[in-house]
Amino acid sequence: QVQLVESGGGLVQAGGSLRLSCAASGRTFSSYAMGWFRQAPGKEREFVACISWSGGVAYYVDSVKGRFTISRDNARNTVYLRMNSLKPEDTAVYYCAASPGGCSYNSRSYDYWGQGTQVTVSS
């Protein structure tokens, strides 16, 4: 069992930065790939980024490449999403999730989800 709690969301102007954190409980955190998804009002949940259990491999949706960076600290049971050059279209609720089978763009591959943190980017 893994419990996930996101933090770090907020209101920021376009061009600004935020760092989201996702703290995990449970001793098996390091065995899971960790992903970030987001959901904007009226839209489906969208894959944003994923990092392998070791932190050695990361994947990003094209729209955030070069702006967002996913990282993890297995000693602290925490995964991060650094978001730079934020745009109004990045506005969404951001969720972290844990996948036992490695990184995937498909949300169904993730067994555990946090409650989400709101990110709002004003123009």
N, C-alpha and C. Protein backbone atom coordinates (compact mmCIF):
# COMPACT_ATOMS: atom_id res chain seq x y z
N GLN A 1 0.86 -1.19 0.00
CA GLN A 1 0.00 0.00 0.00
C GLN A 1 0.89 1.24 0.00
N VAL A 2 0.55 2.19 -0.84
CA VAL A 2 1.29 3.46 -0.92
C VAL A 2 0.27 4.58 -0.83
N GLN A 3 0.53 5.51 0.05
CA GLN A 3 -0.30 6.72 0.14
C GLN A 3 0.52 7.90 -0.35
N LEU A 4 -0.14 8.74 -1.16
CA LEU A 4 0.56 9.85 -1.81
C LEU A 4 -0.10 11.17 -1.45
N VAL A 5 0.71 12.17 -1.11
CA VAL A 5 0.20 13.49 -0.77
C VAL A 5 0.98 14.54 -1.54
N GLU A 6 0.27 15.28 -2.41
CA GLU A 6 0.91 16.33 -3.19
C GLU A 6 0.87 17.66 -2.46
N SER A 7 1.83 18.51 -2.79
CA SER A 7 1.86 19.87 -2.26
C SER A 7 2.64 20.74 -3.23
N GLY A 8 2.55 22.05 -3.03
CA GLY A 8 3.34 22.98 -3.82
C GLY A 8 2.59 23.72 -4.90
N GLY A 9 1.31 23.39 -5.08
CA GLY A 9 0.53 24.10 -6.07
C GLY A 9 0.24 25.53 -5.64
N GLY A 10 -0.35 26.29 -6.56
CA GLY A 10 -0.69 27.67 -6.22
C GLY A 10 -0.97 28.48 -7.46
N LEU A 11 -1.03 29.80 -7.25
CA LEU A 11 -1.29 30.75 -8.34
C LEU A 11 0.02 31.41 -8.72
N VAL A 12 0.31 31.43 -10.01
CA VAL A 12 1.55 32.01 -10.50
C VAL A 12 1.27 32.71 -11.82
N GLN A 13 2.03 33.74 -12.11
CA GLN A 13 1.89 34.43 -13.39
C GLN A 13 2.57 33.64 -14.50
N ALA A 14 2.11 33.85 -15.70
CA ALA A 14 2.75 33.22 -16.86
C ALA A 14 4.23 33.56 -16.89
N GLY A 15 5.04 32.54 -17.17
CA GLY A 15 6.49 32.70 -17.16
C GLY A 15 7.12 32.35 -15.84
N GLY A 16 6.30 32.17 -14.82
CA GLY A 16 6.81 31.86 -13.49
C GLY A 16 7.11 30.37 -13.32
N SER A 17 7.48 30.02 -12.08
CA SER A 17 7.87 28.65 -11.77
C SER A 17 7.19 28.16 -10.50
N LEU A 18 7.03 26.86 -10.43
CA LEU A 18 6.55 26.19 -9.22
C LEU A 18 7.27 24.85 -9.12
N ARG A 19 7.38 24.36 -7.88
CA ARG A 19 7.86 22.99 -7.70
C ARG A 19 6.83 22.22 -6.90
N LEU A 20 6.30 21.18 -7.52
CA LEU A 20 5.36 20.30 -6.84
C LEU A 20 6.13 19.18 -6.15
N SER A 21 5.62 18.76 -5.01
CA SER A 21 6.19 17.63 -4.29
C SER A 21 5.10 16.59 -4.07
N CYS A 22 5.51 15.36 -4.01
CA CYS A 22 4.59 14.26 -3.72
C CYS A 22 5.29 13.36 -2.71
N ALA A 23 4.78 13.36 -1.50
CA ALA A 23 5.35 12.55 -0.44
C ALA A 23 4.61 11.23 -0.35
N ALA A 24 5.38 10.15 -0.29
CA ALA A 24 4.79 8.81 -0.27
C ALA A 24 5.05 8.14 1.06
N SER A 25 4.06 7.40 1.51
CA SER A 25 4.24 6.55 2.69
C SER A 25 4.46 5.12 2.22
N GLY A 26 5.06 4.31 3.06
CA GLY A 26 5.28 2.92 2.70
C GLY A 26 6.74 2.66 2.37
N ARG A 27 7.18 1.48 2.68
CA ARG A 27 8.59 1.14 2.52
C ARG A 27 8.94 0.75 1.11
N THR A 28 7.95 0.60 0.22
CA THR A 28 8.22 0.11 -1.12
C THR A 28 8.24 1.21 -2.16
N PHE A 29 8.33 2.48 -1.72
CA PHE A 29 8.30 3.59 -2.67
C PHE A 29 9.32 3.42 -3.78
N SER A 30 10.51 2.99 -3.45
CA SER A 30 11.58 2.92 -4.44
C SER A 30 11.36 1.85 -5.49
N SER A 31 10.36 1.00 -5.31
CA SER A 31 10.09 -0.04 -6.29
C SER A 31 9.08 0.40 -7.34
N TYR A 32 8.53 1.60 -7.18
CA TYR A 32 7.51 2.10 -8.09
C TYR A 32 8.06 3.17 -9.02
N ALA A 33 7.64 3.11 -10.27
CA ALA A 33 7.79 4.27 -11.14
C ALA A 33 6.75 5.30 -10.69
N MET A 34 7.11 6.56 -10.79
CA MET A 34 6.22 7.63 -10.31
C MET A 34 5.88 8.57 -11.45
N GLY A 35 4.61 8.86 -11.56
CA GLY A 35 4.16 9.74 -12.62
C GLY A 35 3.42 10.95 -12.11
N TRP A 36 3.37 11.97 -12.96
CA TRP A 36 2.54 13.15 -12.73
C TRP A 36 1.53 13.24 -13.87
N PHE A 37 0.29 13.46 -13.50
CA PHE A 37 -0.79 13.69 -14.45
C PHE A 37 -1.44 15.02 -14.10
N ARG A 38 -2.24 15.53 -15.02
CA ARG A 38 -2.99 16.75 -14.74
C ARG A 38 -4.35 16.68 -15.41
N GLN A 39 -5.29 17.41 -14.81
CA GLN A 39 -6.64 17.46 -15.35
C GLN A 39 -7.16 18.88 -15.26
N ALA A 40 -7.45 19.44 -16.42
CA ALA A 40 -8.02 20.79 -16.50
C ALA A 40 -9.54 20.66 -16.53
N PRO A 41 -10.26 21.71 -16.14
CA PRO A 41 -11.73 21.66 -16.13
C PRO A 41 -12.28 21.28 -17.50
N GLY A 42 -13.15 20.28 -17.51
CA GLY A 42 -13.79 19.86 -18.74
C GLY A 42 -12.93 19.01 -19.66
N LYS A 43 -11.74 18.64 -19.19
CA LYS A 43 -10.84 17.83 -20.01
C LYS A 43 -10.50 16.53 -19.30
N GLU A 44 -10.01 15.57 -20.07
CA GLU A 44 -9.60 14.29 -19.51
C GLU A 44 -8.25 14.44 -18.81
N ARG A 45 -8.00 13.51 -17.89
CA ARG A 45 -6.71 13.49 -17.21
C ARG A 45 -5.62 13.20 -18.23
N GLU A 46 -4.52 13.94 -18.12
CA GLU A 46 -3.45 13.90 -19.12
C GLU A 46 -2.12 13.54 -18.47
N PHE A 47 -1.37 12.65 -19.11
CA PHE A 47 -0.03 12.33 -18.66
C PHE A 47 0.88 13.55 -18.80
N VAL A 48 1.71 13.79 -17.80
CA VAL A 48 2.65 14.90 -17.85
C VAL A 48 4.09 14.38 -17.87
N ALA A 49 4.44 13.54 -16.91
CA ALA A 49 5.82 13.06 -16.80
C ALA A 49 5.85 11.80 -15.95
N CYS A 50 6.92 11.04 -16.13
CA CYS A 50 7.11 9.84 -15.32
C CYS A 50 8.61 9.61 -15.13
N ILE A 51 8.95 9.04 -13.99
CA ILE A 51 10.35 8.73 -13.71
C ILE A 51 10.45 7.29 -13.22
N SER A 52 11.47 6.60 -13.67
CA SER A 52 11.63 5.20 -13.30
C SER A 52 11.95 5.06 -11.82
N TRP A 53 11.89 3.82 -11.32
CA TRP A 53 12.10 3.60 -9.90
C TRP A 53 13.48 4.08 -9.43
N SER A 54 14.47 3.97 -10.32
CA SER A 54 15.83 4.36 -9.96
C SER A 54 16.09 5.84 -10.18
N GLY A 55 15.20 6.48 -10.91
CA GLY A 55 15.42 7.88 -11.27
C GLY A 55 16.27 8.04 -12.51
N GLY A 56 16.64 6.93 -13.15
CA GLY A 56 17.55 7.01 -14.28
C GLY A 56 16.90 7.35 -15.61
N VAL A 57 15.61 7.16 -15.69
CA VAL A 57 14.90 7.41 -16.96
C VAL A 57 13.66 8.25 -16.68
N ALA A 58 13.41 9.23 -17.52
CA ALA A 58 12.24 10.08 -17.37
C ALA A 58 11.57 10.27 -18.73
N TYR A 59 10.27 10.45 -18.69
CA TYR A 59 9.48 10.67 -19.89
C TYR A 59 8.61 11.90 -19.68
N TYR A 60 8.33 12.62 -20.77
CA TYR A 60 7.52 13.82 -20.70
C TYR A 60 6.56 13.90 -21.88
N VAL A 61 5.42 14.50 -21.63
CA VAL A 61 4.54 14.84 -22.74
C VAL A 61 5.20 15.98 -23.51
N ASP A 62 4.98 16.02 -24.82
CA ASP A 62 5.69 17.00 -25.66
C ASP A 62 5.48 18.43 -25.20
N SER A 63 4.29 18.73 -24.70
CA SER A 63 3.95 20.12 -24.38
C SER A 63 4.74 20.67 -23.19
N VAL A 64 5.40 19.81 -22.42
CA VAL A 64 6.16 20.30 -21.26
C VAL A 64 7.65 20.06 -21.39
N LYS A 65 8.07 19.39 -22.45
CA LYS A 65 9.50 19.11 -22.62
C LYS A 65 10.30 20.41 -22.66
N GLY A 66 11.40 20.42 -21.93
CA GLY A 66 12.23 21.61 -21.86
C GLY A 66 11.78 22.62 -20.81
N ARG A 67 10.59 22.43 -20.26
CA ARG A 67 10.08 23.35 -19.23
C ARG A 67 9.92 22.66 -17.87
N PHE A 68 9.51 21.40 -17.88
CA PHE A 68 9.27 20.66 -16.65
C PHE A 68 10.37 19.62 -16.44
N THR A 69 10.69 19.37 -15.18
CA THR A 69 11.67 18.35 -14.83
C THR A 69 11.14 17.51 -13.68
N ILE A 70 11.09 16.21 -13.88
CA ILE A 70 10.68 15.30 -12.82
C ILE A 70 11.92 14.71 -12.17
N SER A 71 11.87 14.56 -10.86
CA SER A 71 12.99 13.97 -10.13
C SER A 71 12.43 13.25 -8.91
N ARG A 72 13.27 12.45 -8.27
CA ARG A 72 12.82 11.74 -7.08
C ARG A 72 13.98 11.59 -6.10
N ASP A 73 13.62 11.47 -4.84
CA ASP A 73 14.57 11.22 -3.76
C ASP A 73 14.04 10.02 -3.00
N ASN A 74 14.59 8.85 -3.29
CA ASN A 74 14.06 7.63 -2.67
C ASN A 74 14.34 7.59 -1.16
N ALA A 75 15.37 8.28 -0.71
CA ALA A 75 15.66 8.32 0.72
C ALA A 75 14.58 9.12 1.47
N ARG A 76 13.97 10.06 0.78
CA ARG A 76 12.91 10.88 1.37
C ARG A 76 11.51 10.46 0.93
N ASN A 77 11.41 9.40 0.13
CA ASN A 77 10.12 8.93 -0.37
C ASN A 77 9.34 10.06 -1.04
N THR A 78 10.02 10.84 -1.86
CA THR A 78 9.39 12.01 -2.45
C THR A 78 9.74 12.11 -3.94
N VAL A 79 8.75 12.51 -4.71
CA VAL A 79 8.96 12.80 -6.12
C VAL A 79 8.59 14.26 -6.35
N TYR A 80 9.31 14.91 -7.26
CA TYR A 80 9.13 16.33 -7.51
C TYR A 80 8.79 16.58 -8.97
N LEU A 81 8.15 17.71 -9.21
CA LEU A 81 7.94 18.19 -10.56
C LEU A 81 8.29 19.67 -10.56
N ARG A 82 9.42 20.00 -11.15
CA ARG A 82 9.82 21.39 -11.28
C ARG A 82 9.23 21.92 -12.58
N MET A 83 8.46 23.01 -12.47
CA MET A 83 7.77 23.57 -13.62
C MET A 83 8.26 25.01 -13.85
N ASN A 84 8.91 25.21 -14.96
CA ASN A 84 9.39 26.53 -15.34
C ASN A 84 8.63 27.06 -16.55
N SER A 85 8.75 28.35 -16.80
CA SER A 85 8.12 28.98 -17.97
C SER A 85 6.66 28.58 -18.09
N LEU A 86 5.94 28.68 -16.99
CA LEU A 86 4.55 28.23 -16.96
C LEU A 86 3.68 29.06 -17.88
N LYS A 87 2.69 28.38 -18.46
CA LYS A 87 1.76 28.99 -19.40
C LYS A 87 0.34 28.84 -18.85
N PRO A 88 -0.58 29.71 -19.27
CA PRO A 88 -1.98 29.56 -18.81
C PRO A 88 -2.54 28.17 -19.12
N GLU A 89 -2.12 27.55 -20.21
CA GLU A 89 -2.63 26.22 -20.55
C GLU A 89 -2.10 25.12 -19.63
N ASP A 90 -1.17 25.44 -18.74
CA ASP A 90 -0.71 24.48 -17.74
C ASP A 90 -1.65 24.44 -16.53
N THR A 91 -2.62 25.33 -16.49
CA THR A 91 -3.56 25.36 -15.39
C THR A 91 -4.34 24.05 -15.30
N ALA A 92 -4.30 23.43 -14.14
CA ALA A 92 -4.95 22.13 -13.95
C ALA A 92 -4.75 21.69 -12.50
N VAL A 93 -5.46 20.63 -12.14
CA VAL A 93 -5.14 19.91 -10.91
C VAL A 93 -4.08 18.87 -11.28
N TYR A 94 -2.99 18.87 -10.52
CA TYR A 94 -1.88 17.96 -10.79
C TYR A 94 -1.91 16.82 -9.77
N TYR A 95 -1.78 15.60 -10.28
CA TYR A 95 -1.82 14.40 -9.46
C TYR A 95 -0.51 13.62 -9.61
N CYS A 96 -0.01 13.09 -8.52
CA CYS A 96 1.06 12.12 -8.64
C CYS A 96 0.48 10.72 -8.50
N ALA A 97 1.17 9.75 -9.06
CA ALA A 97 0.67 8.38 -9.08
C ALA A 97 1.84 7.41 -9.10
N ALA A 98 1.59 6.21 -8.59
CA ALA A 98 2.62 5.17 -8.50
C ALA A 98 2.27 3.98 -9.37
N SER A 99 3.24 3.55 -10.15
CA SER A 99 3.05 2.41 -11.05
C SER A 99 4.01 1.29 -10.70
N PRO A 100 3.50 0.10 -10.42
CA PRO A 100 4.39 -1.03 -10.09
C PRO A 100 5.08 -1.61 -11.32
N GLY A 101 4.56 -1.31 -12.49
CA GLY A 101 5.07 -1.94 -13.71
C GLY A 101 5.96 -1.07 -14.55
N GLY A 102 6.42 0.04 -13.98
CA GLY A 102 7.27 0.93 -14.76
C GLY A 102 6.47 2.09 -15.33
N CYS A 103 7.17 3.00 -16.00
CA CYS A 103 6.52 4.18 -16.55
C CYS A 103 5.54 3.83 -17.65
N SER A 104 4.46 4.58 -17.68
CA SER A 104 3.42 4.40 -18.69
C SER A 104 2.72 5.72 -18.91
N TYR A 105 2.26 5.93 -20.16
CA TYR A 105 1.46 7.11 -20.46
C TYR A 105 -0.01 6.87 -20.07
N ASN A 106 -0.36 5.64 -19.80
CA ASN A 106 -1.74 5.25 -19.52
C ASN A 106 -2.01 5.31 -18.03
N SER A 107 -3.00 6.08 -17.65
CA SER A 107 -3.30 6.24 -16.22
C SER A 107 -3.74 4.93 -15.58
N ARG A 108 -4.22 3.98 -16.37
CA ARG A 108 -4.67 2.71 -15.81
C ARG A 108 -3.51 1.85 -15.30
N SER A 109 -2.30 2.21 -15.67
CA SER A 109 -1.13 1.47 -15.20
C SER A 109 -0.71 1.86 -13.79
N TYR A 110 -1.33 2.88 -13.25
CA TYR A 110 -0.95 3.41 -11.94
C TYR A 110 -1.94 2.94 -10.89
N ASP A 111 -1.43 2.34 -9.83
CA ASP A 111 -2.28 1.76 -8.80
C ASP A 111 -2.67 2.74 -7.70
N TYR A 112 -1.83 3.71 -7.44
CA TYR A 112 -2.05 4.62 -6.31
C TYR A 112 -2.00 6.07 -6.81
N TRP A 113 -2.89 6.89 -6.24
CA TRP A 113 -3.01 8.28 -6.65
C TRP A 113 -3.09 9.18 -5.42
N GLY A 114 -2.55 10.38 -5.57
CA GLY A 114 -2.75 11.40 -4.56
C GLY A 114 -4.06 12.13 -4.78
N GLN A 115 -4.33 13.09 -3.91
CA GLN A 115 -5.59 13.82 -3.98
C GLN A 115 -5.54 15.00 -4.94
N GLY A 116 -4.34 15.37 -5.37
CA GLY A 116 -4.18 16.45 -6.33
C GLY A 116 -3.86 17.78 -5.70
N THR A 117 -3.19 18.63 -6.46
CA THR A 117 -2.89 19.99 -6.03
C THR A 117 -3.15 20.93 -7.21
N GLN A 118 -3.81 22.05 -6.92
CA GLN A 118 -4.23 22.97 -7.98
C GLN A 118 -3.07 23.86 -8.39
N VAL A 119 -2.87 23.97 -9.70
CA VAL A 119 -1.92 24.91 -10.27
C VAL A 119 -2.70 25.84 -11.19
N THR A 120 -2.60 27.14 -10.93
CA THR A 120 -3.29 28.13 -11.74
C THR A 120 -2.27 29.13 -12.26
N VAL A 121 -2.24 29.28 -13.58
CA VAL A 121 -1.29 30.19 -14.22
C VAL A 121 -2.08 31.33 -14.86
N SER A 122 -1.85 32.53 -14.39
CA SER A 122 -2.57 33.68 -14.92
C SER A 122 -1.79 34.32 -16.07
N SER A 123 -2.53 34.88 -17.00
CA SER A 123 -1.89 35.50 -18.17
C SER A 123 -1.58 36.97 -17.94
